Amino acid sequence: MKQSEIFRENAENCAHLAEGADSEPVFNRYKRMEAAWRALADEQDWLDGEVSPSRAPGVHAGNGHAPAGLALLDSVHERPVKVSR
């Protein structure tokens, strides 16, 4: 199984956990985690050469370089999510 498929399975798990969330903050947390796993899967596809640079999410101006970190959006409020490193 490819690494990106594992990441997408993790995203699906987060989506299911969000459905069963008992509060809005918990729901939002799982949705952010889902978005992060999906972004990571897309970037892994790019790194593995599965997606051409011009079609890769977050690749700017078709220059072939992936960003240092994909911008994650809060899927509920559509504002950037802070990622600590």
N, C-alpha and C. Protein backbone atom coordinates (compact mmCIF):
# COMPACT_ATOMS: atom_id res chain seq x y z
N MET A 1 0.85 -1.18 0.00
CA MET A 1 0.00 0.00 0.00
C MET A 1 0.90 1.25 0.00
N LYS A 2 0.54 2.19 -0.84
CA LYS A 2 1.31 3.44 -0.92
C LYS A 2 1.09 4.29 0.33
N GLN A 3 2.11 5.08 0.64
CA GLN A 3 2.03 5.95 1.82
C GLN A 3 0.85 6.91 1.71
N SER A 4 0.59 7.45 0.52
CA SER A 4 -0.52 8.40 0.37
C SER A 4 -1.86 7.73 0.63
N GLU A 5 -1.98 6.44 0.33
CA GLU A 5 -3.23 5.72 0.62
C GLU A 5 -3.44 5.59 2.13
N ILE A 6 -2.35 5.35 2.85
CA ILE A 6 -2.44 5.28 4.31
C ILE A 6 -2.89 6.63 4.86
N PHE A 7 -2.32 7.71 4.32
CA PHE A 7 -2.71 9.05 4.76
C PHE A 7 -4.19 9.30 4.50
N ARG A 8 -4.68 8.85 3.34
CA ARG A 8 -6.11 9.05 3.03
C ARG A 8 -7.01 8.21 3.93
N GLU A 9 -6.54 7.02 4.31
CA GLU A 9 -7.31 6.22 5.28
C GLU A 9 -7.38 6.95 6.62
N ASN A 10 -6.27 7.56 7.02
CA ASN A 10 -6.28 8.35 8.26
C ASN A 10 -7.27 9.50 8.16
N ALA A 11 -7.33 10.13 6.99
CA ALA A 11 -8.30 11.22 6.78
C ALA A 11 -9.73 10.71 6.92
N GLU A 12 -10.01 9.55 6.36
CA GLU A 12 -11.35 8.97 6.47
C GLU A 12 -11.69 8.66 7.92
N ASN A 13 -10.71 8.15 8.66
CA ASN A 13 -10.94 7.88 10.09
C ASN A 13 -11.30 9.15 10.83
N CYS A 14 -10.60 10.24 10.52
CA CYS A 14 -10.90 11.52 11.16
C CYS A 14 -12.30 12.00 10.78
N ALA A 15 -12.69 11.78 9.53
CA ALA A 15 -14.03 12.19 9.09
C ALA A 15 -15.10 11.43 9.88
N HIS A 16 -14.88 10.13 10.09
CA HIS A 16 -15.84 9.33 10.85
C HIS A 16 -15.89 9.77 12.32
N LEU A 17 -14.72 10.08 12.87
CA LEU A 17 -14.68 10.57 14.25
C LEU A 17 -15.40 11.91 14.37
N ALA A 18 -15.29 12.76 13.35
CA ALA A 18 -15.97 14.06 13.37
C ALA A 18 -17.49 13.87 13.39
N GLU A 19 -17.96 12.87 12.65
CA GLU A 19 -19.40 12.61 12.61
C GLU A 19 -19.95 12.28 14.00
N GLY A 20 -19.13 11.62 14.82
CA GLY A 20 -19.59 11.23 16.15
C GLY A 20 -19.20 12.21 17.25
N ALA A 21 -18.65 13.35 16.87
CA ALA A 21 -18.19 14.32 17.86
C ALA A 21 -19.36 14.84 18.69
N ASP A 22 -19.08 15.05 19.99
CA ASP A 22 -20.14 15.50 20.89
C ASP A 22 -20.12 17.00 21.14
N SER A 23 -19.19 17.71 20.50
CA SER A 23 -19.17 19.17 20.64
C SER A 23 -18.55 19.78 19.38
N GLU A 24 -18.82 21.05 19.19
CA GLU A 24 -18.29 21.73 18.02
C GLU A 24 -16.76 21.81 18.02
N PRO A 25 -16.11 22.10 19.14
CA PRO A 25 -14.65 22.12 19.13
C PRO A 25 -14.03 20.78 18.75
N VAL A 26 -14.63 19.70 19.22
CA VAL A 26 -14.11 18.37 18.87
C VAL A 26 -14.34 18.10 17.39
N PHE A 27 -15.53 18.43 16.91
CA PHE A 27 -15.83 18.27 15.48
C PHE A 27 -14.82 19.04 14.63
N ASN A 28 -14.59 20.30 14.99
CA ASN A 28 -13.66 21.14 14.23
C ASN A 28 -12.25 20.56 14.25
N ARG A 29 -11.83 20.03 15.39
CA ARG A 29 -10.50 19.45 15.51
C ARG A 29 -10.34 18.27 14.55
N TYR A 30 -11.34 17.37 14.53
CA TYR A 30 -11.26 16.21 13.63
C TYR A 30 -11.30 16.64 12.16
N LYS A 31 -12.08 17.66 11.85
CA LYS A 31 -12.14 18.13 10.46
C LYS A 31 -10.80 18.75 10.04
N ARG A 32 -10.15 19.46 10.95
CA ARG A 32 -8.82 20.00 10.64
C ARG A 32 -7.81 18.87 10.44
N MET A 33 -7.91 17.85 11.28
CA MET A 33 -7.01 16.70 11.13
C MET A 33 -7.27 15.99 9.81
N GLU A 34 -8.53 15.87 9.43
CA GLU A 34 -8.88 15.26 8.14
C GLU A 34 -8.24 16.04 7.00
N ALA A 35 -8.38 17.36 7.03
CA ALA A 35 -7.82 18.20 5.97
C ALA A 35 -6.30 18.08 5.92
N ALA A 36 -5.68 18.00 7.09
CA ALA A 36 -4.22 17.87 7.15
C ALA A 36 -3.76 16.55 6.54
N TRP A 37 -4.45 15.45 6.86
CA TRP A 37 -4.08 14.16 6.29
C TRP A 37 -4.26 14.16 4.77
N ARG A 38 -5.34 14.78 4.28
CA ARG A 38 -5.56 14.83 2.83
C ARG A 38 -4.48 15.66 2.14
N ALA A 39 -4.11 16.79 2.75
CA ALA A 39 -3.03 17.61 2.17
C ALA A 39 -1.72 16.85 2.16
N LEU A 40 -1.45 16.11 3.22
CA LEU A 40 -0.23 15.31 3.29
C LEU A 40 -0.25 14.22 2.22
N ALA A 41 -1.38 13.59 2.00
CA ALA A 41 -1.50 12.56 0.96
C ALA A 41 -1.25 13.16 -0.42
N ASP A 42 -1.82 14.34 -0.67
CA ASP A 42 -1.60 14.99 -1.97
C ASP A 42 -0.14 15.34 -2.18
N GLU A 43 0.50 15.84 -1.13
CA GLU A 43 1.91 16.19 -1.26
C GLU A 43 2.76 14.93 -1.44
N GLN A 44 2.40 13.84 -0.76
CA GLN A 44 3.14 12.58 -0.93
C GLN A 44 3.01 12.08 -2.36
N ASP A 45 1.81 12.19 -2.95
CA ASP A 45 1.64 11.81 -4.36
C ASP A 45 2.58 12.61 -5.24
N TRP A 46 2.69 13.92 -4.95
CA TRP A 46 3.60 14.77 -5.73
C TRP A 46 5.04 14.30 -5.55
N LEU A 47 5.44 14.04 -4.31
CA LEU A 47 6.81 13.59 -4.04
C LEU A 47 7.12 12.27 -4.72
N ASP A 48 6.12 11.40 -4.81
CA ASP A 48 6.30 10.09 -5.44
C ASP A 48 6.19 10.15 -6.96
N GLY A 49 5.95 11.35 -7.51
CA GLY A 49 5.84 11.49 -8.96
C GLY A 49 4.52 11.03 -9.52
N GLU A 50 3.52 10.86 -8.67
CA GLU A 50 2.20 10.41 -9.11
C GLU A 50 1.41 11.54 -9.78
N VAL A 51 1.74 12.77 -9.40
CA VAL A 51 1.03 13.94 -9.91
C VAL A 51 2.06 14.87 -10.51
N SER A 52 1.75 15.41 -11.69
CA SER A 52 2.70 16.34 -12.31
C SER A 52 2.76 17.63 -11.51
N PRO A 53 3.88 18.33 -11.53
CA PRO A 53 4.03 19.56 -10.76
C PRO A 53 2.94 20.59 -11.05
N SER A 54 2.46 20.66 -12.29
CA SER A 54 1.45 21.66 -12.61
C SER A 54 0.09 21.33 -12.02
N ARG A 55 -0.13 20.07 -11.63
CA ARG A 55 -1.41 19.67 -11.05
C ARG A 55 -1.35 19.47 -9.55
N ALA A 56 -0.16 19.55 -8.99
CA ALA A 56 -0.02 19.32 -7.55
C ALA A 56 -0.61 20.47 -6.76
N PRO A 57 -1.34 20.15 -5.69
CA PRO A 57 -1.90 21.21 -4.87
C PRO A 57 -0.79 22.02 -4.22
N GLY A 58 -0.93 23.31 -4.25
CA GLY A 58 0.01 24.17 -3.56
C GLY A 58 1.28 24.48 -4.33
N VAL A 59 1.43 23.95 -5.53
CA VAL A 59 2.61 24.27 -6.32
C VAL A 59 2.33 25.58 -7.02
N HIS A 60 3.21 26.54 -6.83
CA HIS A 60 2.98 27.89 -7.30
C HIS A 60 3.58 28.14 -8.67
N ALA A 61 2.81 28.74 -9.55
CA ALA A 61 3.25 29.22 -10.85
C ALA A 61 3.88 28.12 -11.70
N GLY A 62 3.56 26.87 -11.42
CA GLY A 62 4.09 25.79 -12.23
C GLY A 62 5.60 25.70 -12.22
N ASN A 63 6.24 26.17 -11.15
CA ASN A 63 7.70 26.14 -11.12
C ASN A 63 8.27 24.79 -10.72
N GLY A 64 7.39 23.83 -10.40
CA GLY A 64 7.85 22.50 -10.08
C GLY A 64 8.32 22.29 -8.67
N HIS A 65 8.26 23.31 -7.85
CA HIS A 65 8.70 23.19 -6.46
C HIS A 65 7.50 23.13 -5.53
N ALA A 66 7.49 22.13 -4.68
CA ALA A 66 6.42 22.05 -3.69
C ALA A 66 6.73 23.04 -2.58
N PRO A 67 5.71 23.59 -1.97
CA PRO A 67 5.94 24.51 -0.86
C PRO A 67 6.51 23.76 0.33
N ALA A 68 7.15 24.48 1.23
CA ALA A 68 7.72 23.85 2.42
C ALA A 68 6.62 23.20 3.25
N GLY A 69 5.45 23.78 3.26
CA GLY A 69 4.30 23.19 3.96
C GLY A 69 3.03 23.67 3.29
N LEU A 70 2.14 22.76 2.98
CA LEU A 70 0.89 23.17 2.36
C LEU A 70 0.06 23.95 3.36
N ALA A 71 -0.58 24.99 2.89
CA ALA A 71 -1.45 25.77 3.77
C ALA A 71 -2.69 24.94 4.05
N LEU A 72 -2.96 24.72 5.31
CA LEU A 72 -4.14 23.97 5.71
C LEU A 72 -5.25 24.96 6.02
N LEU A 73 -6.43 24.64 5.55
CA LEU A 73 -7.57 25.50 5.84
C LEU A 73 -8.51 24.79 6.78
N ASP A 74 -9.02 25.53 7.71
CA ASP A 74 -10.07 25.04 8.58
C ASP A 74 -11.28 24.83 7.67
N SER A 75 -11.70 23.59 7.49
CA SER A 75 -12.75 23.29 6.52
C SER A 75 -14.11 23.86 6.91
N VAL A 76 -14.26 24.24 8.15
CA VAL A 76 -15.53 24.81 8.59
C VAL A 76 -15.53 26.31 8.39
N HIS A 77 -14.45 26.98 8.80
CA HIS A 77 -14.39 28.43 8.75
C HIS A 77 -13.55 28.96 7.60
N GLU A 78 -12.87 28.07 6.87
CA GLU A 78 -12.02 28.42 5.72
C GLU A 78 -11.03 29.53 6.03
N ARG A 79 -10.33 29.36 7.12
CA ARG A 79 -9.24 30.27 7.43
C ARG A 79 -8.02 29.40 7.73
N PRO A 80 -6.82 29.95 7.54
CA PRO A 80 -5.61 29.14 7.74
C PRO A 80 -5.54 28.54 9.14
N VAL A 81 -5.03 27.34 9.20
CA VAL A 81 -4.82 26.65 10.46
C VAL A 81 -3.35 26.76 10.81
N LYS A 82 -3.04 27.16 12.03
CA LYS A 82 -1.65 27.26 12.45
C LYS A 82 -1.11 25.86 12.70
N VAL A 83 0.06 25.59 12.15
CA VAL A 83 0.71 24.30 12.32
C VAL A 83 2.01 24.54 13.04
N SER A 84 2.17 23.95 14.21
CA SER A 84 3.43 24.12 14.94
C SER A 84 4.41 23.04 14.51
N ARG A 85 5.66 23.40 14.49
CA ARG A 85 6.70 22.45 14.07
C ARG A 85 7.70 22.26 15.15
